[in-house]
């Protein structure tokens, strides 16, 4: 299970939009996508099934709307402070398998048996 989480710690008077698309490398079909918009007090998360051993392409865009005034910065409702910022990783993200604890237990048991056999000889 993989998670994508956005947590900026902003107050509720900020509105954040987030768009995320995940595709298998070289494939036009989207494996999973997320479009979200809401105040910053709401956590954003995305979970998806196993994609172990696959190379993924990610495209992420983020925009922030704010009514907060601070120092010399003032934002009006609906003003796009950051929009269309995108990053794409082509063929560079490979999801690796993580062994389960049972696999480690079987490995240690097998090594113990090999050690016992070697000791008896």
PDB file of N, CA and C in Angstrom:
ATOM      1  N   UNK A   1       0.850  -1.170   0.000  1.00  0.00           N
ATOM      2  CA  UNK A   1       0.000   0.000   0.000  1.00  0.00           C
ATOM      3  C   UNK A   1       0.895   1.232   0.000  1.00  0.00           C
ATOM      4  N   UNK A   2       0.686   2.110  -0.915  1.00  0.00           N
ATOM      5  CA  UNK A   2       1.464   3.343  -0.997  1.00  0.00           C
ATOM      6  C   UNK A   2       0.542   4.514  -0.721  1.00  0.00           C
ATOM      7  N   UNK A   3       1.060   5.543  -0.132  1.00  0.00           N
ATOM      8  CA  UNK A   3       0.264   6.719   0.198  1.00  0.00           C
ATOM      9  C   UNK A   3       0.935   7.977  -0.328  1.00  0.00           C
ATOM     10  N   UNK A   4       0.104   8.909  -0.737  1.00  0.00           N
ATOM     11  CA  UNK A   4       0.565  10.244  -1.097  1.00  0.00           C
ATOM     12  C   UNK A   4      -0.152  11.186  -0.153  1.00  0.00           C
ATOM     13  N   UNK A   5       0.567  12.039   0.553  1.00  0.00           N
ATOM     14  CA  UNK A   5      -0.038  12.892   1.568  1.00  0.00           C
ATOM     15  C   UNK A   5       0.435  14.324   1.388  1.00  0.00           C
ATOM     16  N   UNK A   6      -0.524  15.251   1.427  1.00  0.00           N
ATOM     17  CA  UNK A   6      -0.205  16.678   1.396  1.00  0.00           C
ATOM     18  C   UNK A   6      -0.558  17.257   2.757  1.00  0.00           C
ATOM     19  N   UNK A   7       0.390  17.859   3.414  1.00  0.00           N
ATOM     20  CA  UNK A   7       0.147  18.482   4.713  1.00  0.00           C
ATOM     21  C   UNK A   7       1.017  19.726   4.797  1.00  0.00           C
ATOM     22  N   UNK A   8       0.449  20.894   4.567  1.00  0.00           N
ATOM     23  CA  UNK A   8       1.212  22.141   4.574  1.00  0.00           C
ATOM     24  C   UNK A   8       1.066  22.895   5.891  1.00  0.00           C
ATOM     25  N   UNK A   9       0.167  22.464   6.775  1.00  0.00           N
ATOM     26  CA  UNK A   9       0.003  23.146   8.043  1.00  0.00           C
ATOM     27  C   UNK A   9      -0.572  24.546   7.912  1.00  0.00           C
ATOM     28  N   UNK A  10      -1.324  24.829   6.866  1.00  0.00           N
ATOM     29  CA  UNK A  10      -1.934  26.143   6.679  1.00  0.00           C
ATOM     30  C   UNK A  10      -3.248  26.214   7.433  1.00  0.00           C
ATOM     31  N   UNK A  11      -3.729  27.421   7.675  1.00  0.00           N
ATOM     32  CA  UNK A  11      -4.997  27.583   8.371  1.00  0.00           C
ATOM     33  C   UNK A  11      -6.157  27.368   7.408  1.00  0.00           C
ATOM     34  N   UNK A  12      -7.375  27.288   7.965  1.00  0.00           N
ATOM     35  CA  UNK A  12      -8.553  26.950   7.173  1.00  0.00           C
ATOM     36  C   UNK A  12      -8.964  28.039   6.197  1.00  0.00           C
ATOM     37  N   UNK A  13      -8.388  29.242   6.278  1.00  0.00           N
ATOM     38  CA  UNK A  13      -8.772  30.279   5.320  1.00  0.00           C
ATOM     39  C   UNK A  13      -7.946  30.207   4.033  1.00  0.00           C
ATOM     40  N   UNK A  14      -7.135  29.194   3.893  1.00  0.00           N
ATOM     41  CA  UNK A  14      -6.435  28.910   2.645  1.00  0.00           C
ATOM     42  C   UNK A  14      -7.189  27.790   1.928  1.00  0.00           C
ATOM     43  N   UNK A  15      -7.355  27.894   0.638  1.00  0.00           N
ATOM     44  CA  UNK A  15      -7.976  26.822  -0.139  1.00  0.00           C
ATOM     45  C   UNK A  15      -6.907  26.244  -1.056  1.00  0.00           C
ATOM     46  N   UNK A  16      -6.751  24.942  -0.990  1.00  0.00           N
ATOM     47  CA  UNK A  16      -5.721  24.260  -1.760  1.00  0.00           C
ATOM     48  C   UNK A  16      -6.387  23.325  -2.762  1.00  0.00           C
ATOM     49  N   UNK A  17      -5.850  23.289  -3.962  1.00  0.00           N
ATOM     50  CA  UNK A  17      -6.279  22.315  -4.958  1.00  0.00           C
ATOM     51  C   UNK A  17      -5.096  21.448  -5.332  1.00  0.00           C
ATOM     52  N   UNK A  18      -5.339  20.170  -5.517  1.00  0.00           N
ATOM     53  CA  UNK A  18      -4.282  19.224  -5.825  1.00  0.00           C
ATOM     54  C   UNK A  18      -4.780  18.265  -6.889  1.00  0.00           C
ATOM     55  N   UNK A  19      -4.006  18.077  -7.942  1.00  0.00           N
ATOM     56  CA  UNK A  19      -4.315  17.108  -8.989  1.00  0.00           C
ATOM     57  C   UNK A  19      -3.112  16.193  -9.144  1.00  0.00           C
ATOM     58  N   UNK A  20      -3.342  14.891  -9.087  1.00  0.00           N
ATOM     59  CA  UNK A  20      -2.271  13.913  -9.207  1.00  0.00           C
ATOM     60  C   UNK A  20      -2.714  12.820 -10.160  1.00  0.00           C
ATOM     61  N   UNK A  21      -1.886  12.479 -11.132  1.00  0.00           N
ATOM     62  CA  UNK A  21      -2.144  11.368 -12.041  1.00  0.00           C
ATOM     63  C   UNK A  21      -0.960  10.417 -11.989  1.00  0.00           C
ATOM     64  N   UNK A  22      -1.257   9.127 -11.897  1.00  0.00           N
ATOM     65  CA  UNK A  22      -0.223   8.101 -11.865  1.00  0.00           C
ATOM     66  C   UNK A  22      -0.494   7.145 -13.020  1.00  0.00           C
ATOM     67  N   UNK A  23       0.518   6.906 -13.850  1.00  0.00           N
ATOM     68  CA  UNK A  23       0.403   6.010 -14.997  1.00  0.00           C
ATOM     69  C   UNK A  23       1.571   5.031 -14.984  1.00  0.00           C
ATOM     70  N   UNK A  24       1.335   3.848 -15.579  1.00  0.00           N
ATOM     71  CA  UNK A  24       2.452   2.951 -15.826  1.00  0.00           C
ATOM     72  C   UNK A  24       3.292   3.573 -16.926  1.00  0.00           C
ATOM     73  N   UNK A  25       4.604   3.467 -16.813  1.00  0.00           N
ATOM     74  CA  UNK A  25       5.499   4.075 -17.797  1.00  0.00           C
ATOM     75  C   UNK A  25       5.172   3.577 -19.196  1.00  0.00           C
ATOM     76  N   UNK A  26       5.021   4.508 -20.122  1.00  0.00           N
ATOM     77  CA  UNK A  26       4.756   4.171 -21.510  1.00  0.00           C
ATOM     78  C   UNK A  26       3.317   3.805 -21.817  1.00  0.00           C
ATOM     79  N   UNK A  27       2.434   3.843 -20.820  1.00  0.00           N
ATOM     80  CA  UNK A  27       1.029   3.492 -21.019  1.00  0.00           C
ATOM     81  C   UNK A  27       0.171   4.746 -20.905  1.00  0.00           C
ATOM     82  N   UNK A  28      -0.796   4.925 -21.824  1.00  0.00           N
ATOM     83  CA  UNK A  28      -1.615   6.134 -21.773  1.00  0.00           C
ATOM     84  C   UNK A  28      -2.706   6.098 -20.701  1.00  0.00           C
ATOM     85  N   UNK A  29      -3.085   4.908 -20.230  1.00  0.00           N
ATOM     86  CA  UNK A  29      -4.184   4.796 -19.267  1.00  0.00           C
ATOM     87  C   UNK A  29      -3.715   5.147 -17.861  1.00  0.00           C
ATOM     88  N   UNK A  30      -4.540   5.890 -17.140  1.00  0.00           N
ATOM     89  CA  UNK A  30      -4.224   6.293 -15.778  1.00  0.00           C
ATOM     90  C   UNK A  30      -4.463   5.129 -14.829  1.00  0.00           C
ATOM     91  N   UNK A  31      -3.459   4.801 -14.002  1.00  0.00           N
ATOM     92  CA  UNK A  31      -3.608   3.773 -12.974  1.00  0.00           C
ATOM     93  C   UNK A  31      -4.464   4.316 -11.837  1.00  0.00           C
ATOM     94  N   UNK A  32      -4.186   5.563 -11.429  1.00  0.00           N
ATOM     95  CA  UNK A  32      -4.936   6.189 -10.340  1.00  0.00           C
ATOM     96  C   UNK A  32      -4.826   7.692 -10.503  1.00  0.00           C
ATOM     97  N   UNK A  33      -5.890   8.396 -10.208  1.00  0.00           N
ATOM     98  CA  UNK A  33      -5.827   9.855 -10.238  1.00  0.00           C
ATOM     99  C   UNK A  33      -6.568  10.407  -9.029  1.00  0.00           C
ATOM    100  N   UNK A  34      -6.203  11.612  -8.657  1.00  0.00           N
ATOM    101  CA  UNK A  34      -6.813  12.284  -7.518  1.00  0.00           C
ATOM    102  C   UNK A  34      -6.964  13.753  -7.866  1.00  0.00           C
ATOM    103  N   UNK A  35      -8.166  14.271  -7.732  1.00  0.00           N
ATOM    104  CA  UNK A  35      -8.409  15.707  -7.848  1.00  0.00           C
ATOM    105  C   UNK A  35      -9.098  16.127  -6.567  1.00  0.00           C
ATOM    106  N   UNK A  36      -8.558  17.135  -5.901  1.00  0.00           N
ATOM    107  CA  UNK A  36      -9.085  17.539  -4.608  1.00  0.00           C
ATOM    108  C   UNK A  36      -8.969  19.037  -4.466  1.00  0.00           C
ATOM    109  N   UNK A  37      -9.958  19.622  -3.810  1.00  0.00           N
ATOM    110  CA  UNK A  37      -9.913  21.034  -3.477  1.00  0.00           C
ATOM    111  C   UNK A  37     -10.645  21.220  -2.160  1.00  0.00           C
ATOM    112  N   UNK A  38     -10.043  21.942  -1.254  1.00  0.00           N
ATOM    113  CA  UNK A  38     -10.671  22.167   0.038  1.00  0.00           C
ATOM    114  C   UNK A  38      -9.793  23.038   0.900  1.00  0.00           C
ATOM    115  N   UNK A  39     -10.253  23.282   2.139  1.00  0.00           N
ATOM    116  CA  UNK A  39      -9.432  24.118   3.007  1.00  0.00           C
ATOM    117  C   UNK A  39      -8.254  23.306   3.538  1.00  0.00           C
ATOM    118  N   UNK A  40      -7.266  24.015   4.010  1.00  0.00           N
ATOM    119  CA  UNK A  40      -6.002  23.384   4.377  1.00  0.00           C
ATOM    120  C   UNK A  40      -6.085  22.553   5.646  1.00  0.00           C
ATOM    121  N   UNK A  41      -7.198  22.628   6.375  1.00  0.00           N
ATOM    122  CA  UNK A  41      -7.308  21.836   7.591  1.00  0.00           C
ATOM    123  C   UNK A  41      -7.693  20.390   7.292  1.00  0.00           C
ATOM    124  N   UNK A  42      -8.075  20.090   6.055  1.00  0.00           N
ATOM    125  CA  UNK A  42      -8.469  18.743   5.669  1.00  0.00           C
ATOM    126  C   UNK A  42      -7.258  18.005   5.109  1.00  0.00           C
ATOM    127  N   UNK A  43      -6.881  16.861   5.723  1.00  0.00           N
ATOM    128  CA  UNK A  43      -5.741  16.119   5.175  1.00  0.00           C
ATOM    129  C   UNK A  43      -6.096  15.493   3.827  1.00  0.00           C
ATOM    130  N   UNK A  44      -5.102  15.363   2.970  1.00  0.00           N
ATOM    131  CA  UNK A  44      -5.294  14.762   1.656  1.00  0.00           C
ATOM    132  C   UNK A  44      -4.501  13.472   1.615  1.00  0.00           C
ATOM    133  N   UNK A  45      -5.125  12.398   1.187  1.00  0.00           N
ATOM    134  CA  UNK A  45      -4.411  11.132   1.080  1.00  0.00           C
ATOM    135  C   UNK A  45      -4.885  10.344  -0.117  1.00  0.00           C
ATOM    136  N   UNK A  46      -4.032   9.491  -0.625  1.00  0.00           N
ATOM    137  CA  UNK A  46      -4.361   8.627  -1.750  1.00  0.00           C
ATOM    138  C   UNK A  46      -3.698   7.284  -1.502  1.00  0.00           C
ATOM    139  N   UNK A  47      -4.467   6.223  -1.563  1.00  0.00           N
ATOM    140  CA  UNK A  47      -3.923   4.881  -1.409  1.00  0.00           C
ATOM    141  C   UNK A  47      -4.266   4.085  -2.653  1.00  0.00           C
ATOM    142  N   UNK A  48      -3.369   3.188  -3.049  1.00  0.00           N
ATOM    143  CA  UNK A  48      -3.671   2.352  -4.193  1.00  0.00           C
ATOM    144  C   UNK A  48      -3.023   0.989  -4.012  1.00  0.00           C
ATOM    145  N   UNK A  49      -3.529   0.017  -4.779  1.00  0.00           N
ATOM    146  CA  UNK A  49      -3.088  -1.362  -4.650  1.00  0.00           C
ATOM    147  C   UNK A  49      -1.639  -1.514  -5.101  1.00  0.00           C
ATOM    148  N   UNK A  50      -1.127  -2.697  -4.920  1.00  0.00           N
ATOM    149  CA  UNK A  50       0.276  -2.983  -5.199  1.00  0.00           C
ATOM    150  C   UNK A  50       0.659  -2.714  -6.648  1.00  0.00           C
ATOM    151  N   UNK A  51       1.777  -2.047  -6.826  1.00  0.00           N
ATOM    152  CA  UNK A  51       2.364  -1.824  -8.148  1.00  0.00           C
ATOM    153  C   UNK A  51       3.846  -2.208  -8.086  1.00  0.00           C
ATOM    154  N   UNK A  52       4.145  -3.248  -7.315  1.00  0.00           N
ATOM    155  CA  UNK A  52       5.526  -3.662  -7.086  1.00  0.00           C
ATOM    156  C   UNK A  52       6.197  -4.018  -8.405  1.00  0.00           C
ATOM    157  N   UNK A  53       7.401  -3.492  -8.597  1.00  0.00           N
ATOM    158  CA  UNK A  53       8.194  -3.805  -9.774  1.00  0.00           C
ATOM    159  C   UNK A  53       7.831  -3.023 -11.014  1.00  0.00           C
ATOM    160  N   UNK A  54       6.851  -2.141 -10.932  1.00  0.00           N
ATOM    161  CA  UNK A  54       6.447  -1.354 -12.086  1.00  0.00           C
ATOM    162  C   UNK A  54       7.096   0.022 -12.030  1.00  0.00           C
ATOM    163  N   UNK A  55       7.368   0.568 -13.193  1.00  0.00           N
ATOM    164  CA  UNK A  55       7.879   1.932 -13.293  1.00  0.00           C
ATOM    165  C   UNK A  55       6.687   2.844 -13.509  1.00  0.00           C
ATOM    166  N   UNK A  56       6.597   3.935 -12.739  1.00  0.00           N
ATOM    167  CA  UNK A  56       5.432   4.811 -12.774  1.00  0.00           C
ATOM    168  C   UNK A  56       5.806   6.207 -13.233  1.00  0.00           C
ATOM    169  N   UNK A  57       4.890   6.855 -13.957  1.00  0.00           N
ATOM    170  CA  UNK A  57       5.003   8.266 -14.313  1.00  0.00           C
ATOM    171  C   UNK A  57       4.058   9.041 -13.409  1.00  0.00           C
ATOM    172  N   UNK A  58       4.523  10.128 -12.803  1.00  0.00           N
ATOM    173  CA  UNK A  58       3.698  10.946 -11.923  1.00  0.00           C
ATOM    174  C   UNK A  58       3.598  12.356 -12.486  1.00  0.00           C
ATOM    175  N   UNK A  59       2.403  12.921 -12.453  1.00  0.00           N
ATOM    176  CA  UNK A  59       2.201  14.327 -12.793  1.00  0.00           C
ATOM    177  C   UNK A  59       1.412  14.948 -11.655  1.00  0.00           C
ATOM    178  N   UNK A  60       1.933  16.015 -11.061  1.00  0.00           N
ATOM    179  CA  UNK A  60       1.306  16.649  -9.911  1.00  0.00           C
ATOM    180  C   UNK A  60       1.182  18.140 -10.169  1.00  0.00           C
ATOM    181  N   UNK A  61      -0.001  18.690  -9.944  1.00  0.00           N
ATOM    182  CA  UNK A  61      -0.165  20.142 -10.006  1.00  0.00           C
ATOM    183  C   UNK A  61      -0.859  20.604  -8.736  1.00  0.00           C
ATOM    184  N   UNK A  62      -0.516  21.796  -8.294  1.00  0.00           N
ATOM    185  CA  UNK A  62      -0.998  22.321  -7.023  1.00  0.00           C
ATOM    186  C   UNK A  62      -1.330  23.788  -7.189  1.00  0.00           C
ATOM    187  N   UNK A  63      -2.453  24.223  -6.613  1.00  0.00           N
ATOM    188  CA  UNK A  63      -2.772  25.650  -6.603  1.00  0.00           C
ATOM    189  C   UNK A  63      -3.311  26.032  -5.239  1.00  0.00           C
ATOM    190  N   UNK A  64      -3.068  27.260  -4.850  1.00  0.00           N
ATOM    191  CA  UNK A  64      -3.432  27.750  -3.530  1.00  0.00           C
ATOM    192  C   UNK A  64      -4.200  29.051  -3.675  1.00  0.00           C
ATOM    193  N   UNK A  65      -5.353  29.136  -3.021  1.00  0.00           N
ATOM    194  CA  UNK A  65      -6.138  30.370  -2.967  1.00  0.00           C
ATOM    195  C   UNK A  65      -6.177  30.799  -1.508  1.00  0.00           C
ATOM    196  N   UNK A  66      -6.068  32.090  -1.244  1.00  0.00           N
ATOM    197  CA  UNK A  66      -6.020  32.541   0.138  1.00  0.00           C
ATOM    198  C   UNK A  66      -6.714  33.883   0.294  1.00  0.00           C
ATOM    199  N   UNK A  67      -7.324  34.069   1.465  1.00  0.00           N
ATOM    200  CA  UNK A  67      -7.893  35.368   1.821  1.00  0.00           C
ATOM    201  C   UNK A  67      -7.069  36.011   2.926  1.00  0.00           C
ATOM    202  N   UNK A  68      -5.993  35.353   3.308  1.00  0.00           N
ATOM    203  CA  UNK A  68      -5.185  35.826   4.428  1.00  0.00           C
ATOM    204  C   UNK A  68      -4.256  36.955   3.991  1.00  0.00           C
ATOM    205  N   UNK A  69      -4.100  37.947   4.866  1.00  0.00           N
ATOM    206  CA  UNK A  69      -3.170  39.048   4.636  1.00  0.00           C
ATOM    207  C   UNK A  69      -2.058  38.950   5.669  1.00  0.00           C
ATOM    208  N   UNK A  70      -0.838  39.063   5.232  1.00  0.00           N
ATOM    209  CA  UNK A  70       0.274  38.980   6.169  1.00  0.00           C
ATOM    210  C   UNK A  70       1.444  39.785   5.651  1.00  0.00           C
ATOM    211  N   UNK A  71       1.979  40.675   6.468  1.00  0.00           N
ATOM    212  CA  UNK A  71       3.102  41.505   6.039  1.00  0.00           C
ATOM    213  C   UNK A  71       2.722  42.314   4.818  1.00  0.00           C
ATOM    214  N   UNK A  72       3.530  42.249   3.782  1.00  0.00           N
ATOM    215  CA  UNK A  72       3.223  42.986   2.560  1.00  0.00           C
ATOM    216  C   UNK A  72       2.512  42.121   1.529  1.00  0.00           C
ATOM    217  N   UNK A  73       2.139  40.896   1.921  1.00  0.00           N
ATOM    218  CA  UNK A  73       1.476  39.994   0.984  1.00  0.00           C
ATOM    219  C   UNK A  73      -0.018  39.962   1.249  1.00  0.00           C
ATOM    220  N   UNK A  74      -0.819  40.146   0.237  1.00  0.00           N
ATOM    221  CA  UNK A  74      -2.275  40.052   0.373  1.00  0.00           C
ATOM    222  C   UNK A  74      -2.809  39.233  -0.788  1.00  0.00           C
ATOM    223  N   UNK A  75      -3.657  38.292  -0.487  1.00  0.00           N
ATOM    224  CA  UNK A  75      -4.240  37.433  -1.509  1.00  0.00           C
ATOM    225  C   UNK A  75      -5.749  37.606  -1.492  1.00  0.00           C
ATOM    226  N   UNK A  76      -6.334  37.758  -2.648  1.00  0.00           N
ATOM    227  CA  UNK A  76      -7.790  37.868  -2.760  1.00  0.00           C
ATOM    228  C   UNK A  76      -8.370  36.494  -3.067  1.00  0.00           C
ATOM    229  N   UNK A  77      -9.628  36.293  -2.680  1.00  0.00           N
ATOM    230  CA  UNK A  77     -10.286  35.026  -2.956  1.00  0.00           C
ATOM    231  C   UNK A  77     -10.254  34.742  -4.447  1.00  0.00           C
ATOM    232  N   UNK A  78      -9.873  33.540  -4.777  1.00  0.00           N
ATOM    233  CA  UNK A  78      -9.835  33.129  -6.175  1.00  0.00           C
ATOM    234  C   UNK A  78      -8.551  33.477  -6.898  1.00  0.00           C
ATOM    235  N   UNK A  79      -7.696  34.271  -6.275  1.00  0.00           N
ATOM    236  CA  UNK A  79      -6.425  34.601  -6.909  1.00  0.00           C
ATOM    237  C   UNK A  79      -5.525  33.374  -6.873  1.00  0.00           C
ATOM    238  N   UNK A  80      -4.980  33.023  -8.004  1.00  0.00           N
ATOM    239  CA  UNK A  80      -4.146  31.836  -8.064  1.00  0.00           C
ATOM    240  C   UNK A  80      -2.719  32.206  -7.717  1.00  0.00           C
ATOM    241  N   UNK A  81      -2.289  31.738  -6.575  1.00  0.00           N
ATOM    242  CA  UNK A  81      -0.951  32.038  -6.098  1.00  0.00           C
ATOM    243  C   UNK A  81       0.079  31.127  -6.753  1.00  0.00           C
ATOM    244  N   UNK A  82      -0.224  29.853  -6.833  1.00  0.00           N
ATOM    245  CA  UNK A  82       0.635  28.881  -7.494  1.00  0.00           C
ATOM    246  C   UNK A  82      -0.276  27.952  -8.259  1.00  0.00           C
ATOM    247  N   UNK A  83      -0.143  27.906  -9.557  1.00  0.00           N
ATOM    248  CA  UNK A  83      -1.025  27.041 -10.335  1.00  0.00           C
ATOM    249  C   UNK A  83      -0.252  26.399 -11.471  1.00  0.00           C
ATOM    250  N   UNK A  84      -0.622  25.211 -11.790  1.00  0.00           N
ATOM    251  CA  UNK A  84      -0.020  24.519 -12.911  1.00  0.00           C
ATOM    252  C   UNK A  84       1.416  24.090 -12.692  1.00  0.00           C
ATOM    253  N   UNK A  85       1.912  24.232 -11.469  1.00  0.00           N
ATOM    254  CA  UNK A  85       3.260  23.746 -11.200  1.00  0.00           C
ATOM    255  C   UNK A  85       3.228  22.234 -11.348  1.00  0.00           C
ATOM    256  N   UNK A  86       4.067  21.703 -12.178  1.00  0.00           N
ATOM    257  CA  UNK A  86       4.006  20.268 -12.436  1.00  0.00           C
ATOM    258  C   UNK A  86       5.396  19.663 -12.405  1.00  0.00           C
ATOM    259  N   UNK A  87       5.436  18.442 -11.964  1.00  0.00           N
ATOM    260  CA  UNK A  87       6.669  17.668 -12.015  1.00  0.00           C
ATOM    261  C   UNK A  87       6.318  16.322 -12.608  1.00  0.00           C
ATOM    262  N   UNK A  88       7.157  15.825 -13.460  1.00  0.00           N
ATOM    263  CA  UNK A  88       6.895  14.516 -14.042  1.00  0.00           C
ATOM    264  C   UNK A  88       8.159  13.678 -13.964  1.00  0.00           C
ATOM    265  N   UNK A  89       8.007  12.473 -13.505  1.00  0.00           N
ATOM    266  CA  UNK A  89       9.104  11.530 -13.387  1.00  0.00           C
ATOM    267  C   UNK A  89       8.872  10.447 -14.424  1.00  0.00           C
ATOM    268  N   UNK A  90       9.695  10.385 -15.437  1.00  0.00           N
ATOM    269  CA  UNK A  90       9.523   9.412 -16.510  1.00  0.00           C
ATOM    270  C   UNK A  90      10.487   8.248 -16.332  1.00  0.00           C
ATOM    271  N   UNK A  91       9.923   7.095 -16.029  1.00  0.00           N
ATOM    272  CA  UNK A  91      10.727   5.891 -15.960  1.00  0.00           C
ATOM    273  C   UNK A  91      11.748   5.856 -14.844  1.00  0.00           C
ATOM    274  N   UNK A  92      11.620   6.689 -13.838  1.00  0.00           N
ATOM    275  CA  UNK A  92      12.608   6.746 -12.776  1.00  0.00           C
ATOM    276  C   UNK A  92      12.097   6.242 -11.434  1.00  0.00           C
ATOM    277  N   UNK A  93      10.817   6.074 -11.287  1.00  0.00           N
ATOM    278  CA  UNK A  93      10.256   5.632 -10.013  1.00  0.00           C
ATOM    279  C   UNK A  93       9.877   4.167 -10.133  1.00  0.00           C
ATOM    280  N   UNK A  94      10.578   3.297  -9.422  1.00  0.00           N
ATOM    281  CA  UNK A  94      10.262   1.874  -9.415  1.00  0.00           C
ATOM    282  C   UNK A  94       9.869   1.493  -7.998  1.00  0.00           C
ATOM    283  N   UNK A  95       8.714   0.883  -7.870  1.00  0.00           N
ATOM    284  CA  UNK A  95       8.222   0.461  -6.564  1.00  0.00           C
ATOM    285  C   UNK A  95       8.848  -0.885  -6.239  1.00  0.00           C
ATOM    286  N   UNK A  96       9.535  -0.980  -5.118  1.00  0.00           N
ATOM    287  CA  UNK A  96      10.232  -2.207  -4.724  1.00  0.00           C
ATOM    288  C   UNK A  96       9.414  -2.988  -3.713  1.00  0.00           C
ATOM    289  N   UNK A  97       9.555  -4.288  -3.781  1.00  0.00           N
ATOM    290  CA  UNK A  97       8.867  -5.152  -2.823  1.00  0.00           C
ATOM    291  C   UNK A  97       9.562  -5.070  -1.472  1.00  0.00           C
ATOM    292  N   UNK A  98       8.792  -5.062  -0.415  1.00  0.00           N
ATOM    293  CA  UNK A  98       9.324  -5.086   0.944  1.00  0.00           C
ATOM    294  C   UNK A  98       8.945  -6.433   1.541  1.00  0.00           C
ATOM    295  N   UNK A  99       9.936  -7.232   1.959  1.00  0.00           N
ATOM    296  CA  UNK A  99       9.621  -8.558   2.495  1.00  0.00           C
ATOM    297  C   UNK A  99       8.736  -8.477   3.739  1.00  0.00           C
ATOM    298  N   UNK A 100       7.835  -9.424   3.831  1.00  0.00           N
ATOM    299  CA  UNK A 100       6.969  -9.535   5.002  1.00  0.00           C
ATOM    300  C   UNK A 100       7.777 -10.115   6.165  1.00  0.00           C
ATOM    301  N   UNK A 101       7.368  -9.875   7.406  1.00  0.00           N
ATOM    302  CA  UNK A 101       8.083 -10.442   8.558  1.00  0.00           C
ATOM    303  C   UNK A 101       8.173 -11.969   8.505  1.00  0.00           C
ATOM    304  N   UNK A 102       7.148 -12.626   7.936  1.00  0.00           N
ATOM    305  CA  UNK A 102       7.172 -14.084   7.825  1.00  0.00           C
ATOM    306  C   UNK A 102       8.324 -14.544   6.939  1.00  0.00           C
ATOM    307  N   UNK A 103       8.652 -13.762   5.921  1.00  0.00           N
ATOM    308  CA  UNK A 103       9.772 -14.111   5.036  1.00  0.00           C
ATOM    309  C   UNK A 103      11.083 -14.082   5.806  1.00  0.00           C
ATOM    310  N   UNK A 104      11.256 -13.071   6.650  1.00  0.00           N
ATOM    311  CA  UNK A 104      12.460 -13.000   7.474  1.00  0.00           C
ATOM    312  C   UNK A 104      12.517 -14.178   8.450  1.00  0.00           C
ATOM    313  N   UNK A 105      11.374 -14.551   9.017  1.00  0.00           N
ATOM    314  CA  UNK A 105      11.333 -15.672   9.957  1.00  0.00           C
ATOM    315  C   UNK A 105      11.737 -16.967   9.256  1.00  0.00           C
ATOM    316  N   UNK A 106      11.235 -17.190   8.040  1.00  0.00           N
ATOM    317  CA  UNK A 106      11.605 -18.400   7.297  1.00  0.00           C
ATOM    318  C   UNK A 106      13.091 -18.380   6.935  1.00  0.00           C
ATOM    319  N   UNK A 107      13.620 -17.216   6.573  1.00  0.00           N
ATOM    320  CA  UNK A 107      15.042 -17.097   6.251  1.00  0.00           C
ATOM    321  C   UNK A 107      15.893 -17.450   7.467  1.00  0.00           C
ATOM    322  N   UNK A 108      15.543 -16.888   8.621  1.00  0.00           N
ATOM    323  CA  UNK A 108      16.307 -17.170   9.839  1.00  0.00           C
ATOM    324  C   UNK A 108      16.195 -18.637  10.250  1.00  0.00           C
ATOM    325  N   UNK A 109      15.002 -19.231  10.106  1.00  0.00           N
ATOM    326  CA  UNK A 109      14.830 -20.649  10.431  1.00  0.00           C
ATOM    327  C   UNK A 109      15.685 -21.506   9.499  1.00  0.00           C
ATOM    328  N   UNK A 110      15.708 -21.174   8.225  1.00  0.00           N
ATOM    329  CA  UNK A 110      16.524 -21.918   7.261  1.00  0.00           C
ATOM    330  C   UNK A 110      18.005 -21.791   7.559  1.00  0.00           C
ATOM    331  N   UNK A 111      18.454 -20.581   7.891  1.00  0.00           N
ATOM    332  CA  UNK A 111      19.858 -20.389   8.251  1.00  0.00           C
ATOM    333  C   UNK A 111      20.209 -21.159   9.526  1.00  0.00           C
ATOM    334  N   UNK A 112      19.267 -21.221  10.464  1.00  0.00           N
ATOM    335  CA  UNK A 112      19.482 -21.989  11.691  1.00  0.00           C
ATOM    336  C   UNK A 112      19.639 -23.471  11.400  1.00  0.00           C
ATOM    337  N   UNK A 113      18.806 -24.007  10.493  1.00  0.00           N
ATOM    338  CA  UNK A 113      18.923 -25.421  10.117  1.00  0.00           C
ATOM    339  C   UNK A 113      20.248 -25.692   9.416  1.00  0.00           C
ATOM    340  N   UNK A 114      20.656 -24.809   8.527  1.00  0.00           N
ATOM    341  CA  UNK A 114      21.943 -24.973   7.848  1.00  0.00           C
ATOM    342  C   UNK A 114      23.074 -24.943   8.874  1.00  0.00           C
ATOM    343  N   UNK A 115      22.976 -24.062   9.861  1.00  0.00           N
ATOM    344  CA  UNK A 115      23.981 -23.998  10.922  1.00  0.00           C
ATOM    345  C   UNK A 115      24.033 -25.272  11.746  1.00  0.00           C
ATOM    346  N   UNK A 116      22.859 -25.845  12.066  1.00  0.00           N
ATOM    347  CA  UNK A 116      22.808 -27.101  12.819  1.00  0.00           C
ATOM    348  C   UNK A 116      23.450 -28.233  12.036  1.00  0.00           C
ATOM    349  N   UNK A 117      23.124 -28.320  10.758  1.00  0.00           N
ATOM    350  CA  UNK A 117      23.688 -29.382   9.919  1.00  0.00           C
ATOM    351  C   UNK A 117      25.203 -29.222   9.825  1.00  0.00           C
ATOM    352  N   UNK A 118      25.673 -28.006   9.648  1.00  0.00           N
ATOM    353  CA  UNK A 118      27.114 -27.763   9.556  1.00  0.00           C
ATOM    354  C   UNK A 118      27.814 -28.087  10.873  1.00  0.00           C
ATOM    355  N   UNK A 119      27.162 -27.829  11.989  1.00  0.00           N
ATOM    356  CA  UNK A 119      27.765 -28.089  13.301  1.00  0.00           C
ATOM    357  C   UNK A 119      27.895 -29.588  13.562  1.00  0.00           C
ATOM    358  N   UNK A 120      26.907 -30.379  13.108  1.00  0.00           N
ATOM    359  CA  UNK A 120      26.941 -31.827  13.329  1.00  0.00           C
ATOM    360  C   UNK A 120      28.048 -32.486  12.520  1.00  0.00           C
ATOM    361  N   UNK A 121      28.424 -31.884  11.412  1.00  0.00           N
ATOM    362  CA  UNK A 121      29.483 -32.476  10.580  1.00  0.00           C
ATOM    363  C   UNK A 121      30.774 -32.116  11.178  1.00  0.00           C
TER     364      UNK A 121
END
